[in-house]
């Protein structure tokens, strides 16, 4: 079973996946922090994540940005401090 299939049966909704795709497209599959550009523009993208600008904010598209895996980990660690 692929990662997306596990997510679909877990905590992520279909709306999340729809919005994730919109955010990835809006940000041109590029990390908004370091500029890393994914080569995977079709199908499942595993080298990019969606991150909240404001962690206490909602899931609106204005509050979501594309980040690479290492930047996502760094941002998440900063928010935990």
PDB file of N, CA and C in Angstrom:
ATOM      1  N   UNK A   1       0.853  -1.173   0.000  1.00  0.00           N
ATOM      2  CA  UNK A   1       0.000   0.000   0.000  1.00  0.00           C
ATOM      3  C   UNK A   1       0.898   1.236   0.000  1.00  0.00           C
ATOM      4  N   UNK A   2       0.651   2.189  -0.874  1.00  0.00           N
ATOM      5  CA  UNK A   2       1.447   3.401  -0.967  1.00  0.00           C
ATOM      6  C   UNK A   2       1.163   4.361   0.169  1.00  0.00           C
ATOM      7  N   UNK A   3       2.060   5.351   0.322  1.00  0.00           N
ATOM      8  CA  UNK A   3       1.918   6.344   1.396  1.00  0.00           C
ATOM      9  C   UNK A   3       0.591   7.076   1.295  1.00  0.00           C
ATOM     10  N   UNK A   4       0.223   7.513   0.091  1.00  0.00           N
ATOM     11  CA  UNK A   4      -1.033   8.259  -0.064  1.00  0.00           C
ATOM     12  C   UNK A   4      -2.228   7.405   0.330  1.00  0.00           C
ATOM     13  N   UNK A   5      -2.180   6.096   0.015  1.00  0.00           N
ATOM     14  CA  UNK A   5      -3.278   5.209   0.392  1.00  0.00           C
ATOM     15  C   UNK A   5      -3.399   5.109   1.903  1.00  0.00           C
ATOM     16  N   UNK A   6      -2.261   5.051   2.589  1.00  0.00           N
ATOM     17  CA  UNK A   6      -2.289   5.004   4.061  1.00  0.00           C
ATOM     18  C   UNK A   6      -2.834   6.313   4.613  1.00  0.00           C
ATOM     19  N   UNK A   7      -2.433   7.447   4.005  1.00  0.00           N
ATOM     20  CA  UNK A   7      -2.930   8.734   4.468  1.00  0.00           C
ATOM     21  C   UNK A   7      -4.427   8.835   4.275  1.00  0.00           C
ATOM     22  N   UNK A   8      -4.935   8.322   3.156  1.00  0.00           N
ATOM     23  CA  UNK A   8      -6.371   8.403   2.886  1.00  0.00           C
ATOM     24  C   UNK A   8      -7.178   7.672   3.940  1.00  0.00           C
ATOM     25  N   UNK A   9      -6.608   6.633   4.530  1.00  0.00           N
ATOM     26  CA  UNK A   9      -7.336   5.889   5.549  1.00  0.00           C
ATOM     27  C   UNK A   9      -7.017   6.398   6.947  1.00  0.00           C
ATOM     28  N   UNK A  10      -6.134   7.398   7.045  1.00  0.00           N
ATOM     29  CA  UNK A  10      -5.715   7.923   8.334  1.00  0.00           C
ATOM     30  C   UNK A  10      -6.297   9.291   8.611  1.00  0.00           C
ATOM     31  N   UNK A  11      -5.425  10.186   9.066  1.00  0.00           N
ATOM     32  CA  UNK A  11      -5.880  11.481   9.538  1.00  0.00           C
ATOM     33  C   UNK A  11      -6.134  12.505   8.443  1.00  0.00           C
ATOM     34  N   UNK A  12      -5.710  12.242   7.212  1.00  0.00           N
ATOM     35  CA  UNK A  12      -5.865  13.221   6.134  1.00  0.00           C
ATOM     36  C   UNK A  12      -7.130  12.961   5.333  1.00  0.00           C
ATOM     37  N   UNK A  13      -7.841  14.031   5.017  1.00  0.00           N
ATOM     38  CA  UNK A  13      -9.087  13.924   4.259  1.00  0.00           C
ATOM     39  C   UNK A  13      -8.831  14.129   2.769  1.00  0.00           C
ATOM     40  N   UNK A  14      -9.842  13.864   1.984  1.00  0.00           N
ATOM     41  CA  UNK A  14      -9.748  14.121   0.540  1.00  0.00           C
ATOM     42  C   UNK A  14      -9.541  15.614   0.279  1.00  0.00           C
ATOM     43  N   UNK A  15     -10.119  16.460   1.120  1.00  0.00           N
ATOM     44  CA  UNK A  15      -9.936  17.911   0.974  1.00  0.00           C
ATOM     45  C   UNK A  15      -8.469  18.267   1.144  1.00  0.00           C
ATOM     46  N   UNK A  16      -7.793  17.621   2.100  1.00  0.00           N
ATOM     47  CA  UNK A  16      -6.370  17.871   2.309  1.00  0.00           C
ATOM     48  C   UNK A  16      -5.602  17.578   1.024  1.00  0.00           C
ATOM     49  N   UNK A  17      -5.864  16.441   0.403  1.00  0.00           N
ATOM     50  CA  UNK A  17      -5.122  16.066  -0.797  1.00  0.00           C
ATOM     51  C   UNK A  17      -5.432  17.012  -1.957  1.00  0.00           C
ATOM     52  N   UNK A  18      -6.663  17.456  -2.046  1.00  0.00           N
ATOM     53  CA  UNK A  18      -7.033  18.424  -3.079  1.00  0.00           C
ATOM     54  C   UNK A  18      -6.289  19.740  -2.857  1.00  0.00           C
ATOM     55  N   UNK A  19      -6.316  20.246  -1.625  1.00  0.00           N
ATOM     56  CA  UNK A  19      -5.639  21.502  -1.304  1.00  0.00           C
ATOM     57  C   UNK A  19      -4.130  21.365  -1.448  1.00  0.00           C
ATOM     58  N   UNK A  20      -3.590  20.219  -1.079  1.00  0.00           N
ATOM     59  CA  UNK A  20      -2.150  19.970  -1.213  1.00  0.00           C
ATOM     60  C   UNK A  20      -1.742  20.112  -2.671  1.00  0.00           C
ATOM     61  N   UNK A  21      -2.512  19.528  -3.544  1.00  0.00           N
ATOM     62  CA  UNK A  21      -2.208  19.608  -4.971  1.00  0.00           C
ATOM     63  C   UNK A  21      -2.259  21.063  -5.456  1.00  0.00           C
ATOM     64  N   UNK A  22      -3.259  21.811  -5.004  1.00  0.00           N
ATOM     65  CA  UNK A  22      -3.382  23.217  -5.394  1.00  0.00           C
ATOM     66  C   UNK A  22      -2.189  24.042  -4.903  1.00  0.00           C
ATOM     67  N   UNK A  23      -1.751  23.789  -3.670  1.00  0.00           N
ATOM     68  CA  UNK A  23      -0.619  24.529  -3.103  1.00  0.00           C
ATOM     69  C   UNK A  23       0.663  24.178  -3.855  1.00  0.00           C
ATOM     70  N   UNK A  24       0.881  22.897  -4.129  1.00  0.00           N
ATOM     71  CA  UNK A  24       2.065  22.482  -4.891  1.00  0.00           C
ATOM     72  C   UNK A  24       2.087  23.153  -6.265  1.00  0.00           C
ATOM     73  N   UNK A  25       0.941  23.174  -6.935  1.00  0.00           N
ATOM     74  CA  UNK A  25       0.864  23.815  -8.247  1.00  0.00           C
ATOM     75  C   UNK A  25       1.099  25.315  -8.132  1.00  0.00           C
ATOM     76  N   UNK A  26       0.468  25.954  -7.162  1.00  0.00           N
ATOM     77  CA  UNK A  26       0.626  27.405  -6.973  1.00  0.00           C
ATOM     78  C   UNK A  26       2.086  27.771  -6.749  1.00  0.00           C
ATOM     79  N   UNK A  27       2.780  26.962  -5.939  1.00  0.00           N
ATOM     80  CA  UNK A  27       4.172  27.242  -5.604  1.00  0.00           C
ATOM     81  C   UNK A  27       5.141  26.625  -6.615  1.00  0.00           C
ATOM     82  N   UNK A  28       4.602  26.116  -7.706  1.00  0.00           N
ATOM     83  CA  UNK A  28       5.397  25.555  -8.819  1.00  0.00           C
ATOM     84  C   UNK A  28       6.338  24.444  -8.357  1.00  0.00           C
ATOM     85  N   UNK A  29       5.824  23.608  -7.437  1.00  0.00           N
ATOM     86  CA  UNK A  29       6.570  22.451  -6.940  1.00  0.00           C
ATOM     87  C   UNK A  29       7.954  22.851  -6.442  1.00  0.00           C
ATOM     88  N   UNK A  30       8.026  24.010  -5.779  1.00  0.00           N
ATOM     89  CA  UNK A  30       9.289  24.571  -5.297  1.00  0.00           C
ATOM     90  C   UNK A  30       9.168  24.924  -3.822  1.00  0.00           C
ATOM     91  N   UNK A  31      10.190  24.557  -3.039  1.00  0.00           N
ATOM     92  CA  UNK A  31      10.218  24.892  -1.622  1.00  0.00           C
ATOM     93  C   UNK A  31      10.279  26.404  -1.484  1.00  0.00           C
ATOM     94  N   UNK A  32       9.369  26.959  -0.705  1.00  0.00           N
ATOM     95  CA  UNK A  32       9.307  28.404  -0.527  1.00  0.00           C
ATOM     96  C   UNK A  32      10.372  28.905   0.447  1.00  0.00           C
ATOM     97  N   UNK A  33      11.122  27.996   1.063  1.00  0.00           N
ATOM     98  CA  UNK A  33      12.179  28.386   1.993  1.00  0.00           C
ATOM     99  C   UNK A  33      13.546  28.375   1.306  1.00  0.00           C
ATOM    100  N   UNK A  34      13.932  27.229   0.738  1.00  0.00           N
ATOM    101  CA  UNK A  34      15.286  27.095   0.177  1.00  0.00           C
ATOM    102  C   UNK A  34      15.332  27.109  -1.347  1.00  0.00           C
ATOM    103  N   UNK A  35      14.178  26.981  -1.993  1.00  0.00           N
ATOM    104  CA  UNK A  35      14.143  27.022  -3.452  1.00  0.00           C
ATOM    105  C   UNK A  35      14.299  25.675  -4.138  1.00  0.00           C
ATOM    106  N   UNK A  36      14.387  24.581  -3.362  1.00  0.00           N
ATOM    107  CA  UNK A  36      14.468  23.246  -3.958  1.00  0.00           C
ATOM    108  C   UNK A  36      13.266  23.032  -4.871  1.00  0.00           C
ATOM    109  N   UNK A  37      13.510  22.531  -6.090  1.00  0.00           N
ATOM    110  CA  UNK A  37      12.437  22.312  -7.052  1.00  0.00           C
ATOM    111  C   UNK A  37      12.284  20.816  -7.323  1.00  0.00           C
ATOM    112  N   UNK A  38      11.103  20.297  -7.065  1.00  0.00           N
ATOM    113  CA  UNK A  38      10.824  18.888  -7.326  1.00  0.00           C
ATOM    114  C   UNK A  38      10.710  18.655  -8.825  1.00  0.00           C
ATOM    115  N   UNK A  39      11.145  17.503  -9.253  1.00  0.00           N
ATOM    116  CA  UNK A  39      11.010  17.114 -10.654  1.00  0.00           C
ATOM    117  C   UNK A  39       9.725  16.318 -10.894  1.00  0.00           C
ATOM    118  N   UNK A  40       8.984  16.063  -9.820  1.00  0.00           N
ATOM    119  CA  UNK A  40       7.769  15.260  -9.920  1.00  0.00           C
ATOM    120  C   UNK A  40       6.550  16.162  -9.974  1.00  0.00           C
ATOM    121  N   UNK A  41       6.112  16.475 -11.147  1.00  0.00           N
ATOM    122  CA  UNK A  41       4.955  17.353 -11.308  1.00  0.00           C
ATOM    123  C   UNK A  41       3.679  16.573 -11.581  1.00  0.00           C
ATOM    124  N   UNK A  42       3.809  15.283 -11.766  1.00  0.00           N
ATOM    125  CA  UNK A  42       2.633  14.438 -12.002  1.00  0.00           C
ATOM    126  C   UNK A  42       2.665  13.290 -11.007  1.00  0.00           C
ATOM    127  N   UNK A  43       1.505  12.834 -10.643  1.00  0.00           N
ATOM    128  CA  UNK A  43       1.430  11.726  -9.702  1.00  0.00           C
ATOM    129  C   UNK A  43       1.733  12.166  -8.289  1.00  0.00           C
ATOM    130  N   UNK A  44       2.194  11.245  -7.480  1.00  0.00           N
ATOM    131  CA  UNK A  44       2.471  11.530  -6.077  1.00  0.00           C
ATOM    132  C   UNK A  44       3.823  12.223  -5.938  1.00  0.00           C
ATOM    133  N   UNK A  45       3.838  13.272  -5.170  1.00  0.00           N
ATOM    134  CA  UNK A  45       5.063  14.023  -4.895  1.00  0.00           C
ATOM    135  C   UNK A  45       5.473  13.705  -3.464  1.00  0.00           C
ATOM    136  N   UNK A  46       6.642  13.074  -3.293  1.00  0.00           N
ATOM    137  CA  UNK A  46       7.078  12.644  -1.965  1.00  0.00           C
ATOM    138  C   UNK A  46       8.221  13.488  -1.420  1.00  0.00           C
ATOM    139  N   UNK A  47       8.776  14.384  -2.224  1.00  0.00           N
ATOM    140  CA  UNK A  47       9.923  15.165  -1.768  1.00  0.00           C
ATOM    141  C   UNK A  47       9.531  16.567  -1.312  1.00  0.00           C
ATOM    142  N   UNK A  48       8.234  16.854  -1.281  1.00  0.00           N
ATOM    143  CA  UNK A  48       7.725  18.138  -0.811  1.00  0.00           C
ATOM    144  C   UNK A  48       6.579  17.920   0.172  1.00  0.00           C
ATOM    145  N   UNK A  49       6.439  18.848   1.087  1.00  0.00           N
ATOM    146  CA  UNK A  49       5.359  18.817   2.070  1.00  0.00           C
ATOM    147  C   UNK A  49       4.610  20.145   2.025  1.00  0.00           C
ATOM    148  N   UNK A  50       3.465  20.168   2.667  1.00  0.00           N
ATOM    149  CA  UNK A  50       2.699  21.395   2.831  1.00  0.00           C
ATOM    150  C   UNK A  50       2.819  21.809   4.297  1.00  0.00           C
ATOM    151  N   UNK A  51       3.095  23.085   4.522  1.00  0.00           N
ATOM    152  CA  UNK A  51       3.332  23.582   5.874  1.00  0.00           C
ATOM    153  C   UNK A  51       2.450  24.792   6.140  1.00  0.00           C
ATOM    154  N   UNK A  52       2.012  24.929   7.385  1.00  0.00           N
ATOM    155  CA  UNK A  52       1.214  26.093   7.794  1.00  0.00           C
ATOM    156  C   UNK A  52       2.124  27.292   8.040  1.00  0.00           C
ATOM    157  N   UNK A  53       1.822  28.438   7.446  1.00  0.00           N
ATOM    158  CA  UNK A  53       2.524  29.682   7.782  1.00  0.00           C
ATOM    159  C   UNK A  53       2.290  30.004   9.246  1.00  0.00           C
ATOM    160  N   UNK A  54       1.037  29.961   9.654  1.00  0.00           N
ATOM    161  CA  UNK A  54       0.649  30.196  11.035  1.00  0.00           C
ATOM    162  C   UNK A  54       0.172  28.859  11.595  1.00  0.00           C
ATOM    163  N   UNK A  55       0.952  28.237  12.497  1.00  0.00           N
ATOM    164  CA  UNK A  55       0.584  26.905  12.994  1.00  0.00           C
ATOM    165  C   UNK A  55      -0.756  26.866  13.718  1.00  0.00           C
ATOM    166  N   UNK A  56      -1.206  28.014  14.214  1.00  0.00           N
ATOM    167  CA  UNK A  56      -2.509  28.055  14.890  1.00  0.00           C
ATOM    168  C   UNK A  56      -3.618  28.446  13.936  1.00  0.00           C
ATOM    169  N   UNK A  57      -3.247  28.656  12.677  1.00  0.00           N
ATOM    170  CA  UNK A  57      -4.230  29.042  11.667  1.00  0.00           C
ATOM    171  C   UNK A  57      -4.962  27.852  11.101  1.00  0.00           C
ATOM    172  N   UNK A  58      -5.747  28.118  10.104  1.00  0.00           N
ATOM    173  CA  UNK A  58      -6.576  27.079   9.509  1.00  0.00           C
ATOM    174  C   UNK A  58      -5.876  26.430   8.309  1.00  0.00           C
ATOM    175  N   UNK A  59      -6.625  25.644   7.588  1.00  0.00           N
ATOM    176  CA  UNK A  59      -6.108  24.952   6.416  1.00  0.00           C
ATOM    177  C   UNK A  59      -6.431  25.696   5.130  1.00  0.00           C
ATOM    178  N   UNK A  60      -6.667  27.003   5.210  1.00  0.00           N
ATOM    179  CA  UNK A  60      -6.947  27.768   3.999  1.00  0.00           C
ATOM    180  C   UNK A  60      -5.684  27.828   3.143  1.00  0.00           C
ATOM    181  N   UNK A  61      -5.865  27.976   1.851  1.00  0.00           N
ATOM    182  CA  UNK A  61      -4.730  27.995   0.930  1.00  0.00           C
ATOM    183  C   UNK A  61      -3.764  29.131   1.241  1.00  0.00           C
ATOM    184  N   UNK A  62      -4.273  30.231   1.773  1.00  0.00           N
ATOM    185  CA  UNK A  62      -3.416  31.364   2.125  1.00  0.00           C
ATOM    186  C   UNK A  62      -2.486  31.054   3.293  1.00  0.00           C
ATOM    187  N   UNK A  63      -2.816  30.057   4.076  1.00  0.00           N
ATOM    188  CA  UNK A  63      -2.012  29.698   5.242  1.00  0.00           C
ATOM    189  C   UNK A  63      -1.099  28.502   4.967  1.00  0.00           C
ATOM    190  N   UNK A  64      -1.087  27.992   3.757  1.00  0.00           N
ATOM    191  CA  UNK A  64      -0.292  26.817   3.423  1.00  0.00           C
ATOM    192  C   UNK A  64       0.784  27.164   2.399  1.00  0.00           C
ATOM    193  N   UNK A  65       1.981  26.601   2.593  1.00  0.00           N
ATOM    194  CA  UNK A  65       3.086  26.803   1.666  1.00  0.00           C
ATOM    195  C   UNK A  65       3.770  25.468   1.389  1.00  0.00           C
ATOM    196  N   UNK A  66       4.472  25.409   0.279  1.00  0.00           N
ATOM    197  CA  UNK A  66       5.235  24.228  -0.103  1.00  0.00           C
ATOM    198  C   UNK A  66       6.635  24.320   0.489  1.00  0.00           C
ATOM    199  N   UNK A  67       7.083  23.229   1.118  1.00  0.00           N
ATOM    200  CA  UNK A  67       8.439  23.154   1.648  1.00  0.00           C
ATOM    201  C   UNK A  67       9.011  21.768   1.360  1.00  0.00           C
ATOM    202  N   UNK A  68      10.340  21.696   1.234  1.00  0.00           N
ATOM    203  CA  UNK A  68      10.984  20.395   1.061  1.00  0.00           C
ATOM    204  C   UNK A  68      11.010  19.670   2.410  1.00  0.00           C
ATOM    205  N   UNK A  69      11.390  18.416   2.399  1.00  0.00           N
ATOM    206  CA  UNK A  69      11.351  17.613   3.624  1.00  0.00           C
ATOM    207  C   UNK A  69      12.273  18.168   4.709  1.00  0.00           C
ATOM    208  N   UNK A  70      13.492  18.567   4.338  1.00  0.00           N
ATOM    209  CA  UNK A  70      14.415  19.065   5.369  1.00  0.00           C
ATOM    210  C   UNK A  70      13.964  20.411   5.925  1.00  0.00           C
ATOM    211  N   UNK A  71      13.450  21.300   5.087  1.00  0.00           N
ATOM    212  CA  UNK A  71      12.938  22.576   5.585  1.00  0.00           C
ATOM    213  C   UNK A  71      11.706  22.366   6.454  1.00  0.00           C
ATOM    214  N   UNK A  72      10.863  21.402   6.080  1.00  0.00           N
ATOM    215  CA  UNK A  72       9.675  21.112   6.880  1.00  0.00           C
ATOM    216  C   UNK A  72      10.068  20.635   8.278  1.00  0.00           C
ATOM    217  N   UNK A  73      11.067  19.759   8.333  1.00  0.00           N
ATOM    218  CA  UNK A  73      11.532  19.265   9.632  1.00  0.00           C
ATOM    219  C   UNK A  73      12.087  20.426  10.459  1.00  0.00           C
ATOM    220  N   UNK A  74      12.886  21.287   9.845  1.00  0.00           N
ATOM    221  CA  UNK A  74      13.468  22.428  10.554  1.00  0.00           C
ATOM    222  C   UNK A  74      12.379  23.378  11.063  1.00  0.00           C
ATOM    223  N   UNK A  75      11.393  23.703  10.223  1.00  0.00           N
ATOM    224  CA  UNK A  75      10.313  24.599  10.617  1.00  0.00           C
ATOM    225  C   UNK A  75       9.481  24.005  11.753  1.00  0.00           C
ATOM    226  N   UNK A  76       9.226  22.711  11.664  1.00  0.00           N
ATOM    227  CA  UNK A  76       8.446  22.026  12.702  1.00  0.00           C
ATOM    228  C   UNK A  76       9.191  22.048  14.035  1.00  0.00           C
ATOM    229  N   UNK A  77      10.514  21.826  14.000  1.00  0.00           N
ATOM    230  CA  UNK A  77      11.318  21.865  15.222  1.00  0.00           C
ATOM    231  C   UNK A  77      11.321  23.272  15.825  1.00  0.00           C
ATOM    232  N   UNK A  78      11.396  24.297  14.975  1.00  0.00           N
ATOM    233  CA  UNK A  78      11.381  25.679  15.457  1.00  0.00           C
ATOM    234  C   UNK A  78      10.053  25.986  16.156  1.00  0.00           C
ATOM    235  N   UNK A  79       8.956  25.495  15.611  1.00  0.00           N
ATOM    236  CA  UNK A  79       7.650  25.757  16.196  1.00  0.00           C
ATOM    237  C   UNK A  79       7.485  25.059  17.533  1.00  0.00           C
ATOM    238  N   UNK A  80       8.178  23.946  17.723  1.00  0.00           N
ATOM    239  CA  UNK A  80       8.056  23.191  18.976  1.00  0.00           C
ATOM    240  C   UNK A  80       8.784  23.876  20.120  1.00  0.00           C
ATOM    241  N   UNK A  81       9.733  24.741  19.794  1.00  0.00           N
ATOM    242  CA  UNK A  81      10.506  25.451  20.832  1.00  0.00           C
ATOM    243  C   UNK A  81       9.700  26.491  21.552  1.00  0.00           C
TER     244      UNK A  81
END
